[in-house]
């Protein structure tokens, strides 16, 4: 199980179609992104834009900050909290989900 956690999420694929269990290089990711945004005719974006979107979508979906922190590989939850794009209304609604019993009344 531990070895599975160390596997890269994306593998190198050789021209013959053979998949190699090695991490993609930073340059390979840039090349893939450039090709895809040109094909889609969308504004260029960076790998960090993908990370920011991933973290924001996870937090928007209700995944807790510590879990997103671990998925992002951040050492501190403070770093992950910078990706939190939820508005104050959403945060207030979350706070109302806690039940405080009125003891003695």
C-alpha atoms as a PDB file:
ATOM      1  CA  UNK A   1       0.000   0.000   0.000  1.00  0.00           C
ATOM      2  CA  UNK A   2       2.788   2.437   0.882  1.00  0.00           C
ATOM      3  CA  UNK A   3       4.495   1.851  -2.490  1.00  0.00           C
ATOM      4  CA  UNK A   4       1.220   2.713  -4.248  1.00  0.00           C
ATOM      5  CA  UNK A   5       1.148   6.067  -2.470  1.00  0.00           C
ATOM      6  CA  UNK A   6       4.602   6.865  -3.862  1.00  0.00           C
ATOM      7  CA  UNK A   7       3.635   6.229  -7.483  1.00  0.00           C
ATOM      8  CA  UNK A   8       3.411   9.287  -9.704  1.00  0.00           C
ATOM      9  CA  UNK A   9      -0.134  10.283 -10.726  1.00  0.00           C
ATOM     10  CA  UNK A  10       0.884  10.684 -14.382  1.00  0.00           C
ATOM     11  CA  UNK A  11       3.235   8.377 -16.269  1.00  0.00           C
ATOM     12  CA  UNK A  12       5.506   8.899 -19.226  1.00  0.00           C
ATOM     13  CA  UNK A  13       4.245   7.248 -22.409  1.00  0.00           C
ATOM     14  CA  UNK A  14       6.832   6.493 -25.077  1.00  0.00           C
ATOM     15  CA  UNK A  15       6.147   7.008 -28.787  1.00  0.00           C
ATOM     16  CA  UNK A  16       5.393   3.304 -29.204  1.00  0.00           C
ATOM     17  CA  UNK A  17       2.652   3.606 -26.586  1.00  0.00           C
ATOM     18  CA  UNK A  18       4.597   1.902 -23.781  1.00  0.00           C
ATOM     19  CA  UNK A  19       3.783   3.375 -20.363  1.00  0.00           C
ATOM     20  CA  UNK A  20       6.807   3.966 -18.146  1.00  0.00           C
ATOM     21  CA  UNK A  21       6.175   4.334 -14.385  1.00  0.00           C
ATOM     22  CA  UNK A  22       8.224   7.536 -14.116  1.00  0.00           C
ATOM     23  CA  UNK A  23       7.100  11.019 -13.196  1.00  0.00           C
ATOM     24  CA  UNK A  24       6.483  13.410 -16.035  1.00  0.00           C
ATOM     25  CA  UNK A  25       9.045  16.168 -16.171  1.00  0.00           C
ATOM     26  CA  UNK A  26       8.002  19.772 -15.615  1.00  0.00           C
ATOM     27  CA  UNK A  27       8.785  20.445 -19.269  1.00  0.00           C
ATOM     28  CA  UNK A  28       6.559  17.548 -20.408  1.00  0.00           C
ATOM     29  CA  UNK A  29       3.632  18.927 -18.408  1.00  0.00           C
ATOM     30  CA  UNK A  30       4.116  22.389 -19.962  1.00  0.00           C
ATOM     31  CA  UNK A  31       4.203  20.877 -23.466  1.00  0.00           C
ATOM     32  CA  UNK A  32       1.002  18.883 -22.839  1.00  0.00           C
ATOM     33  CA  UNK A  33      -0.797  21.922 -21.417  1.00  0.00           C
ATOM     34  CA  UNK A  34       0.276  24.139 -24.307  1.00  0.00           C
ATOM     35  CA  UNK A  35      -0.979  21.599 -26.838  1.00  0.00           C
ATOM     36  CA  UNK A  36      -4.307  21.201 -25.041  1.00  0.00           C
ATOM     37  CA  UNK A  37      -5.131  24.871 -24.594  1.00  0.00           C
ATOM     38  CA  UNK A  38      -4.283  25.488 -28.246  1.00  0.00           C
ATOM     39  CA  UNK A  39      -6.590  22.629 -29.285  1.00  0.00           C
ATOM     40  CA  UNK A  40      -9.370  23.897 -27.033  1.00  0.00           C
ATOM     41  CA  UNK A  41      -8.795  27.502 -28.149  1.00  0.00           C
ATOM     42  CA  UNK A  42      -8.773  28.717 -24.561  1.00  0.00           C
ATOM     43  CA  UNK A  43      -6.580  31.222 -22.768  1.00  0.00           C
ATOM     44  CA  UNK A  44      -3.218  29.708 -21.762  1.00  0.00           C
ATOM     45  CA  UNK A  45      -2.904  28.414 -18.206  1.00  0.00           C
ATOM     46  CA  UNK A  46      -0.107  27.087 -16.032  1.00  0.00           C
ATOM     47  CA  UNK A  47       0.359  23.917 -13.978  1.00  0.00           C
ATOM     48  CA  UNK A  48      -0.123  26.068 -10.876  1.00  0.00           C
ATOM     49  CA  UNK A  49      -3.526  27.137 -12.215  1.00  0.00           C
ATOM     50  CA  UNK A  50      -4.435  23.435 -12.220  1.00  0.00           C
ATOM     51  CA  UNK A  51      -3.222  23.030  -8.619  1.00  0.00           C
ATOM     52  CA  UNK A  52      -5.174  26.112  -7.534  1.00  0.00           C
ATOM     53  CA  UNK A  53      -8.317  24.843  -9.262  1.00  0.00           C
ATOM     54  CA  UNK A  54      -7.895  21.358  -7.759  1.00  0.00           C
ATOM     55  CA  UNK A  55      -7.540  22.728  -4.222  1.00  0.00           C
ATOM     56  CA  UNK A  56     -10.388  25.201  -4.639  1.00  0.00           C
ATOM     57  CA  UNK A  57     -12.760  22.600  -6.078  1.00  0.00           C
ATOM     58  CA  UNK A  58     -11.964  20.166  -3.267  1.00  0.00           C
ATOM     59  CA  UNK A  59     -12.627  22.818  -0.617  1.00  0.00           C
ATOM     60  CA  UNK A  60     -15.809  23.949  -2.405  1.00  0.00           C
ATOM     61  CA  UNK A  61     -17.004  20.335  -2.385  1.00  0.00           C
ATOM     62  CA  UNK A  62     -16.676  20.230   1.391  1.00  0.00           C
ATOM     63  CA  UNK A  63     -13.422  18.288   1.707  1.00  0.00           C
ATOM     64  CA  UNK A  64     -11.737  19.294   4.950  1.00  0.00           C
ATOM     65  CA  UNK A  65      -8.656  21.500   4.861  1.00  0.00           C
ATOM     66  CA  UNK A  66      -6.286  18.900   6.337  1.00  0.00           C
ATOM     67  CA  UNK A  67      -7.216  16.333   3.676  1.00  0.00           C
ATOM     68  CA  UNK A  68      -6.686  18.888   0.904  1.00  0.00           C
ATOM     69  CA  UNK A  69      -3.406  19.873   2.579  1.00  0.00           C
ATOM     70  CA  UNK A  70      -2.186  16.278   2.372  1.00  0.00           C
ATOM     71  CA  UNK A  71      -3.329  15.885  -1.238  1.00  0.00           C
ATOM     72  CA  UNK A  72      -1.491  19.078  -2.185  1.00  0.00           C
ATOM     73  CA  UNK A  73       1.671  18.013  -0.353  1.00  0.00           C
ATOM     74  CA  UNK A  74       1.724  21.128   1.828  1.00  0.00           C
ATOM     75  CA  UNK A  75       3.588  21.005   5.138  1.00  0.00           C
ATOM     76  CA  UNK A  76       1.251  23.569   6.704  1.00  0.00           C
ATOM     77  CA  UNK A  77      -2.529  24.014   6.532  1.00  0.00           C
ATOM     78  CA  UNK A  78      -1.867  27.778   6.375  1.00  0.00           C
ATOM     79  CA  UNK A  79      -0.466  27.303   2.870  1.00  0.00           C
ATOM     80  CA  UNK A  80      -3.534  25.305   1.821  1.00  0.00           C
ATOM     81  CA  UNK A  81      -5.905  27.876   3.298  1.00  0.00           C
ATOM     82  CA  UNK A  82      -4.688  30.379   0.689  1.00  0.00           C
ATOM     83  CA  UNK A  83      -6.568  28.321  -1.906  1.00  0.00           C
ATOM     84  CA  UNK A  84      -9.857  28.645  -0.016  1.00  0.00           C
ATOM     85  CA  UNK A  85     -12.084  30.729  -2.277  1.00  0.00           C
ATOM     86  CA  UNK A  86     -15.322  30.117  -0.400  1.00  0.00           C
ATOM     87  CA  UNK A  87     -17.132  33.293   0.562  1.00  0.00           C
ATOM     88  CA  UNK A  88     -18.062  34.397   4.065  1.00  0.00           C
ATOM     89  CA  UNK A  89     -21.681  33.216   3.666  1.00  0.00           C
ATOM     90  CA  UNK A  90     -20.492  29.657   3.015  1.00  0.00           C
ATOM     91  CA  UNK A  91     -18.226  29.807   6.061  1.00  0.00           C
ATOM     92  CA  UNK A  92     -21.073  31.104   8.259  1.00  0.00           C
ATOM     93  CA  UNK A  93     -23.394  28.321   7.032  1.00  0.00           C
ATOM     94  CA  UNK A  94     -20.728  25.775   7.952  1.00  0.00           C
ATOM     95  CA  UNK A  95     -20.511  27.222  11.459  1.00  0.00           C
ATOM     96  CA  UNK A  96     -24.286  26.831  11.952  1.00  0.00           C
ATOM     97  CA  UNK A  97     -24.012  23.074  11.470  1.00  0.00           C
ATOM     98  CA  UNK A  98     -22.583  22.655  14.966  1.00  0.00           C
ATOM     99  CA  UNK A  99     -25.191  21.941  17.638  1.00  0.00           C
ATOM    100  CA  UNK A 100     -24.597  23.464  21.064  1.00  0.00           C
ATOM    101  CA  UNK A 101     -26.996  21.972  23.631  1.00  0.00           C
ATOM    102  CA  UNK A 102     -28.416  24.457  26.086  1.00  0.00           C
ATOM    103  CA  UNK A 103     -27.492  22.796  29.394  1.00  0.00           C
ATOM    104  CA  UNK A 104     -29.472  23.826  32.462  1.00  0.00           C
ATOM    105  CA  UNK A 105     -32.374  25.437  30.597  1.00  0.00           C
END
